[in-house]
Amino acid sequence: MIVVFGSLNLDLVTPVERLPGAGETVLGPGYALHPGGKGANQALAARRAGAPVVLVGAVGRDAFAELAVELLAADGVDLTRLARVAAPTGAAFIAVDAQGQNQIVVAAGANAEASADALAAMGLGEGDLLLLQREVPEEQCLSAAKAMRAAGGRVILNLAPAGVPVPELLGLTDILIANEHEAALLAQGLGWAEIEPDAIAQRLDAERGIACIVTLGAEGAVGWHGGVRRGLEAPRVAVVDTVAAGDSFVGAFAAALQAGFGFSGALQRGLAAGSLACTVAGAQPSVPRREAIEALVGQSFL
């Protein structure tokens, strides 16, 4: 079982000719509503990649909550541990200009009240895996990590949004996944001189015993685990947009580990999923399914 402890949002996306300046109002022709949040996206990605998934988090008692969980429920993510709280469902307000640049304001809402207490009653075990991001309170992520490690399971931390986790949370992490920007900020926060993704991942593995993957966009990913380096190029695809590519990578990687693949096999499937997500517009609608992932792995890596 994969337990995802994380955020759920509803994204309100408005196209505009140009992004507004300070104090300025810019009109758009309309807006679209899309389910999102890194926790929800990664739970859906792991589920579509074939894993049994439980999502732990919080939504409001409002109409946005139903839209935020619609695709998760349709794909069979277990939502029985999802709390309904008085705060409004988390939301992201996104303006996108004609060149594809954006401005985003995120209202945490119910995500600020997400609690890891539900994990204590879940009967966690050695075969389970906890997937964390950084869009819910860090002290609750720490509690979730403690519960999973106490049960003998593994912890994956996706270092998004960027920042330096508290030392105790980093110490409970088995695998850390970051992009180049996130990895660089982590190294800086730890007082390291390394700036290259490869060197940062190697040092985390060697000094902290934390397997580390740094995603490199179209260039693929590099990972270090047990002193062994894995570097893979991303499959070549026709890119429509990159929304949810990172979340698709993380969810599919976790699902592959849960299914018994080794580090390299899981890395291949994460890269395939992330690449496929770039071929479809939008966030959760672009998250690929296991059959498509395996087909692309077969074409690209074998």
Protein backbone atom coordinates (compact mmCIF):
# COMPACT_ATOMS: atom_id res chain seq x y z
CA MET A 1 0.00 0.00 0.00
CA ILE A 2 1.11 3.54 -0.77
CA VAL A 3 -0.03 6.20 1.70
CA VAL A 4 0.07 9.71 0.30
CA PHE A 5 -0.08 12.45 2.91
CA GLY A 6 -0.52 15.74 1.12
CA SER A 7 -2.52 18.55 -0.37
CA LEU A 8 -5.68 18.77 -2.46
CA ASN A 9 -6.55 21.93 -4.38
CA LEU A 10 -8.92 23.20 -6.98
CA ASP A 11 -7.11 25.24 -9.62
CA LEU A 12 -8.88 28.23 -11.21
CA VAL A 13 -7.06 29.04 -14.44
CA THR A 14 -7.64 32.22 -16.44
CA PRO A 15 -5.99 33.02 -19.81
CA VAL A 16 -4.91 36.67 -20.19
CA GLU A 17 -3.11 38.62 -22.89
CA ARG A 18 -0.50 39.76 -20.35
CA LEU A 19 0.11 39.33 -16.67
CA PRO A 20 -0.94 42.23 -14.42
CA GLY A 21 1.44 44.54 -12.65
CA ALA A 22 1.10 45.60 -9.03
CA GLY A 23 -2.34 47.09 -8.39
CA GLU A 24 -3.48 46.42 -11.96
CA THR A 25 -6.60 44.57 -13.14
CA VAL A 26 -6.36 42.53 -16.35
CA LEU A 27 -9.45 40.94 -17.87
CA GLY A 28 -9.62 37.38 -19.17
CA PRO A 29 -12.32 35.77 -21.30
CA GLY A 30 -13.21 33.09 -18.75
CA TYR A 31 -11.70 30.48 -16.49
CA ALA A 32 -11.44 26.72 -16.09
CA LEU A 33 -11.62 24.59 -12.94
CA HIS A 34 -9.10 21.77 -12.57
CA PRO A 35 -8.44 19.43 -9.61
CA GLY A 36 -4.87 19.69 -8.33
CA GLY A 37 -2.59 19.83 -5.33
CA LYS A 38 0.64 17.84 -5.21
CA GLY A 39 -0.72 15.24 -2.82
CA ALA A 40 -3.78 14.58 -4.97
CA ASN A 41 -1.78 14.57 -8.21
CA GLN A 42 0.77 12.09 -6.89
CA ALA A 43 -1.90 9.85 -5.38
CA LEU A 44 -3.66 9.72 -8.73
CA ALA A 45 -0.38 9.06 -10.53
CA ALA A 46 0.50 6.15 -8.24
CA ARG A 47 -3.01 4.72 -8.56
CA ARG A 48 -3.07 4.97 -12.35
CA ALA A 49 0.34 3.31 -12.38
CA GLY A 50 -1.25 0.31 -10.66
CA ALA A 51 -0.65 0.74 -6.93
CA PRO A 52 -3.22 0.58 -4.13
CA VAL A 53 -3.27 4.12 -2.75
CA VAL A 54 -4.71 5.79 0.35
CA LEU A 55 -4.80 9.60 0.37
CA VAL A 56 -4.62 11.32 3.76
CA GLY A 57 -5.33 15.05 3.82
CA ALA A 58 -8.13 17.56 4.26
CA VAL A 59 -10.77 19.34 2.18
CA GLY A 60 -13.53 21.73 3.11
CA ARG A 61 -17.27 21.16 3.35
CA ASP A 62 -17.86 23.07 0.14
CA ALA A 63 -18.60 22.49 -3.53
CA PHE A 64 -14.90 22.75 -4.41
CA ALA A 65 -14.23 19.63 -2.35
CA GLU A 66 -16.33 17.43 -4.62
CA LEU A 67 -14.55 18.72 -7.72
CA ALA A 68 -11.15 18.27 -6.07
CA VAL A 69 -11.73 14.55 -5.41
CA GLU A 70 -13.76 13.63 -8.49
CA LEU A 71 -10.99 12.01 -10.54
CA LEU A 72 -9.40 10.43 -7.48
CA ALA A 73 -12.64 8.69 -6.62
CA ALA A 74 -13.23 7.61 -10.22
CA ASP A 75 -9.82 5.92 -10.35
CA GLY A 76 -10.19 4.13 -7.04
CA VAL A 77 -7.95 6.11 -4.69
CA ASP A 78 -9.02 5.31 -1.12
CA LEU A 79 -10.44 8.55 0.29
CA THR A 80 -11.80 7.17 3.55
CA ARG A 81 -8.98 8.88 5.52
CA LEU A 82 -9.68 12.28 3.98
CA ALA A 83 -10.87 14.77 6.61
CA ARG A 84 -13.65 17.31 6.02
CA VAL A 85 -12.90 20.50 7.92
CA ALA A 86 -14.48 23.93 8.38
CA ALA A 87 -11.79 25.71 6.35
CA PRO A 88 -12.41 26.02 2.59
CA THR A 89 -10.89 23.54 0.19
CA GLY A 90 -7.43 24.65 -0.94
CA ALA A 91 -7.32 26.62 -4.17
CA ALA A 92 -4.81 27.96 -6.65
CA PHE A 93 -5.56 31.09 -8.68
CA ILE A 94 -3.58 30.99 -11.91
CA ALA A 95 -3.25 33.57 -14.68
CA VAL A 96 -1.56 32.40 -17.89
CA ASP A 97 -0.47 34.88 -20.56
CA ALA A 98 -0.24 34.44 -24.33
CA GLN A 99 3.40 33.29 -24.05
CA GLY A 100 2.58 30.65 -21.45
CA GLN A 101 4.04 32.54 -18.50
CA ASN A 102 1.96 32.47 -15.32
CA GLN A 103 1.30 34.04 -11.96
CA ILE A 104 -0.02 31.79 -9.21
CA VAL A 105 -1.50 32.51 -5.81
CA VAL A 106 -2.22 29.47 -3.63
CA ALA A 107 -4.65 29.58 -0.72
CA ALA A 108 -3.83 26.69 1.62
CA GLY A 109 -7.32 26.54 3.12
CA ALA A 110 -8.07 23.07 4.45
CA ASN A 111 -4.53 21.89 3.61
CA ALA A 112 -3.27 23.89 6.59
CA GLU A 113 -5.39 21.62 8.80
CA ALA A 114 -4.22 18.31 7.34
CA SER A 115 -3.40 15.90 10.16
CA ALA A 116 -1.29 12.74 10.20
CA ASP A 117 -3.35 11.26 13.06
CA ALA A 118 -5.19 8.98 10.63
CA LEU A 119 -2.01 7.00 9.98
CA ALA A 120 -1.99 5.65 13.54
CA ALA A 121 -5.16 3.67 12.91
CA MET A 122 -4.22 2.28 9.49
CA GLY A 123 -2.31 -0.86 10.43
CA LEU A 124 0.82 0.13 8.55
CA GLY A 125 3.43 -2.54 7.84
CA GLU A 126 6.87 -3.25 6.41
CA GLY A 127 5.66 -3.42 2.83
CA ASP A 128 4.06 0.02 2.91
CA LEU A 129 5.39 3.25 1.51
CA LEU A 130 4.68 6.85 2.56
CA LEU A 131 4.80 9.60 -0.04
CA LEU A 132 5.23 13.18 1.22
CA GLN A 133 5.47 16.65 -0.33
CA ARG A 134 5.71 20.09 1.28
CA GLU A 135 2.24 21.65 0.77
CA VAL A 136 0.88 20.58 4.17
CA PRO A 137 2.26 21.46 7.65
CA GLU A 138 5.78 20.15 8.10
CA GLU A 139 5.18 19.01 11.68
CA GLN A 140 2.40 16.76 10.37
CA CYS A 141 4.69 15.38 7.66
CA LEU A 142 7.17 14.58 10.42
CA SER A 143 4.49 12.76 12.42
CA ALA A 144 3.50 10.78 9.33
CA ALA A 145 7.12 9.82 8.65
CA LYS A 146 7.60 8.68 12.25
CA ALA A 147 4.49 6.49 12.03
CA MET A 148 5.61 4.84 8.79
CA ARG A 149 9.16 4.23 9.94
CA ALA A 150 7.93 2.82 13.25
CA ALA A 151 5.86 0.33 11.24
CA GLY A 152 8.91 -0.67 9.20
CA GLY A 153 7.83 1.02 5.97
CA ARG A 154 9.71 3.41 3.71
CA VAL A 155 9.41 7.18 3.26
CA ILE A 156 9.73 9.11 0.00
CA LEU A 157 9.95 12.90 0.25
CA ASN A 158 9.32 15.02 -2.83
CA LEU A 159 11.07 18.30 -2.06
CA ALA A 160 8.35 20.49 -3.56
CA PRO A 161 7.77 23.34 -3.02
CA ALA A 162 11.49 24.00 -2.63
CA GLY A 163 12.98 24.40 0.83
CA VAL A 164 15.08 22.70 3.49
CA PRO A 165 13.21 20.14 5.61
CA VAL A 166 13.78 20.09 9.34
CA PRO A 167 16.71 17.78 10.13
CA GLU A 168 14.50 15.16 11.80
CA LEU A 169 12.29 14.79 8.72
CA LEU A 170 15.30 14.56 6.44
CA GLY A 171 16.72 11.88 8.74
CA LEU A 172 13.55 9.80 8.37
CA THR A 173 13.61 9.99 4.57
CA ASP A 174 14.63 6.91 2.60
CA ILE A 175 14.38 8.45 -0.88
CA LEU A 176 14.38 12.14 -1.77
CA ILE A 177 13.14 13.38 -5.15
CA ALA A 178 13.83 16.95 -6.29
CA ASN A 179 14.22 18.98 -9.44
CA GLU A 180 17.40 20.94 -10.16
CA HIS A 181 16.20 24.13 -8.45
CA GLU A 182 14.98 22.28 -5.36
CA ALA A 183 18.20 20.29 -5.08
CA ALA A 184 20.33 23.44 -5.32
CA LEU A 185 18.33 25.18 -2.59
CA LEU A 186 18.66 22.14 -0.36
CA ALA A 187 22.43 22.02 -0.82
CA GLN A 188 22.68 25.73 -0.08
CA GLY A 189 20.55 25.33 3.04
CA LEU A 190 22.78 22.50 4.24
CA GLY A 191 25.86 24.66 3.73
CA TRP A 192 27.25 22.53 0.91
CA ALA A 193 29.41 23.90 -1.89
CA GLU A 194 28.01 21.46 -4.46
CA ILE A 195 25.81 23.04 -7.14
CA GLU A 196 25.53 20.26 -9.74
CA PRO A 197 22.55 17.87 -9.36
CA ASP A 198 24.76 14.81 -9.73
CA ALA A 199 27.11 15.91 -6.96
CA ILE A 200 24.27 16.85 -4.62
CA ALA A 201 22.54 13.50 -5.09
CA GLN A 202 25.81 11.62 -4.57
CA ARG A 203 26.57 13.45 -1.34
CA LEU A 204 23.08 12.86 0.09
CA ASP A 205 23.49 9.16 -0.65
CA ALA A 206 27.04 8.91 0.68
CA GLU A 207 26.80 11.09 3.80
CA ARG A 208 23.17 10.82 4.83
CA GLY A 209 22.22 7.36 3.51
CA ILE A 210 19.34 8.96 1.59
CA ALA A 211 18.84 7.70 -1.94
CA CYS A 212 18.37 10.79 -4.09
CA ILE A 213 16.89 11.45 -7.52
CA VAL A 214 17.19 14.80 -9.27
CA THR A 215 14.91 15.25 -12.26
CA LEU A 216 16.40 17.20 -15.17
CA GLY A 217 13.39 18.00 -17.34
CA ALA A 218 13.89 16.93 -20.95
CA GLU A 219 17.37 15.65 -20.03
CA GLY A 220 15.94 12.89 -17.84
CA ALA A 221 17.11 12.21 -14.30
CA VAL A 222 20.10 11.21 -12.22
CA GLY A 223 19.89 9.08 -9.09
CA TRP A 224 22.28 7.75 -6.45
CA HIS A 225 21.42 4.77 -4.29
CA GLY A 226 23.83 2.69 -2.20
CA GLY A 227 26.84 4.31 -3.86
CA VAL A 228 25.65 3.43 -7.35
CA ARG A 229 24.80 6.09 -9.94
CA ARG A 230 21.89 5.79 -12.35
CA GLY A 231 21.48 8.34 -15.12
CA LEU A 232 18.73 8.05 -17.72
CA GLU A 233 17.57 10.26 -20.55
CA ALA A 234 13.88 11.06 -20.79
CA PRO A 235 11.92 9.40 -23.61
CA ARG A 236 11.36 11.76 -26.54
CA VAL A 237 7.74 12.86 -26.84
CA ALA A 238 5.74 15.66 -28.44
CA VAL A 239 5.36 18.17 -25.60
CA VAL A 240 2.03 19.96 -25.15
CA ASP A 241 2.67 21.26 -21.62
CA THR A 242 4.67 20.14 -18.61
CA VAL A 243 1.93 20.51 -15.98
CA ALA A 244 1.93 17.51 -13.59
CA ALA A 245 5.01 15.96 -15.22
CA GLY A 246 6.89 16.02 -11.92
CA ASP A 247 3.95 14.63 -9.95
CA SER A 248 3.45 11.88 -12.53
CA PHE A 249 7.14 10.97 -12.20
CA VAL A 250 6.95 10.75 -8.42
CA GLY A 251 3.72 8.74 -8.32
CA ALA A 252 4.80 6.25 -10.97
CA PHE A 253 8.23 5.83 -9.37
CA ALA A 254 6.60 5.04 -6.03
CA ALA A 255 4.15 2.62 -7.65
CA ALA A 256 6.99 0.78 -9.38
CA LEU A 257 8.89 0.40 -6.11
CA GLN A 258 5.71 -0.87 -4.47
CA ALA A 259 5.29 -3.40 -7.28
CA GLY A 260 8.76 -4.81 -6.61
CA PHE A 261 10.88 -3.10 -9.24
CA GLY A 262 14.38 -2.09 -8.26
CA PHE A 263 15.66 1.47 -8.15
CA SER A 264 16.59 1.52 -11.85
CA GLY A 265 13.32 -0.03 -13.00
CA ALA A 266 11.34 2.43 -10.91
CA LEU A 267 13.38 5.31 -12.32
CA GLN A 268 12.56 4.18 -15.86
CA ARG A 269 8.84 4.11 -15.11
CA GLY A 270 8.93 7.48 -13.41
CA LEU A 271 10.60 9.02 -16.45
CA ALA A 272 8.12 7.38 -18.82
CA ALA A 273 5.17 8.67 -16.78
CA GLY A 274 6.58 12.18 -16.56
CA SER A 275 7.18 12.25 -20.29
CA LEU A 276 3.69 11.00 -21.11
CA ALA A 277 2.16 13.69 -18.87
CA CYS A 278 3.77 16.29 -21.15
CA THR A 279 1.78 15.05 -24.15
CA VAL A 280 -1.65 15.97 -22.74
CA ALA A 281 -2.85 19.40 -21.57
CA GLY A 282 -3.79 19.95 -17.94
CA ALA A 283 -2.79 18.45 -14.62
CA GLN A 284 -4.74 15.38 -13.50
CA PRO A 285 -6.20 14.60 -16.95
CA SER A 286 -2.61 14.23 -18.23
CA VAL A 287 -1.56 11.65 -15.61
CA PRO A 288 -0.84 8.43 -17.56
CA ARG A 289 -1.96 4.87 -16.85
CA ARG A 290 0.15 1.76 -16.31
CA GLU A 291 -0.36 0.32 -19.80
CA ALA A 292 0.92 3.46 -21.49
CA ILE A 293 3.84 3.71 -19.06
CA GLU A 294 4.93 0.13 -19.68
CA ALA A 295 4.60 0.55 -23.44
CA LEU A 296 6.88 3.60 -23.41
CA VAL A 297 9.38 1.88 -21.11
CA GLY A 298 9.53 -0.98 -23.60
CA GLN A 299 10.17 1.38 -26.51
CA SER A 300 12.67 3.62 -24.76
CA PHE A 301 14.76 1.63 -22.34
CA LEU A 302 14.77 -2.06 -23.25
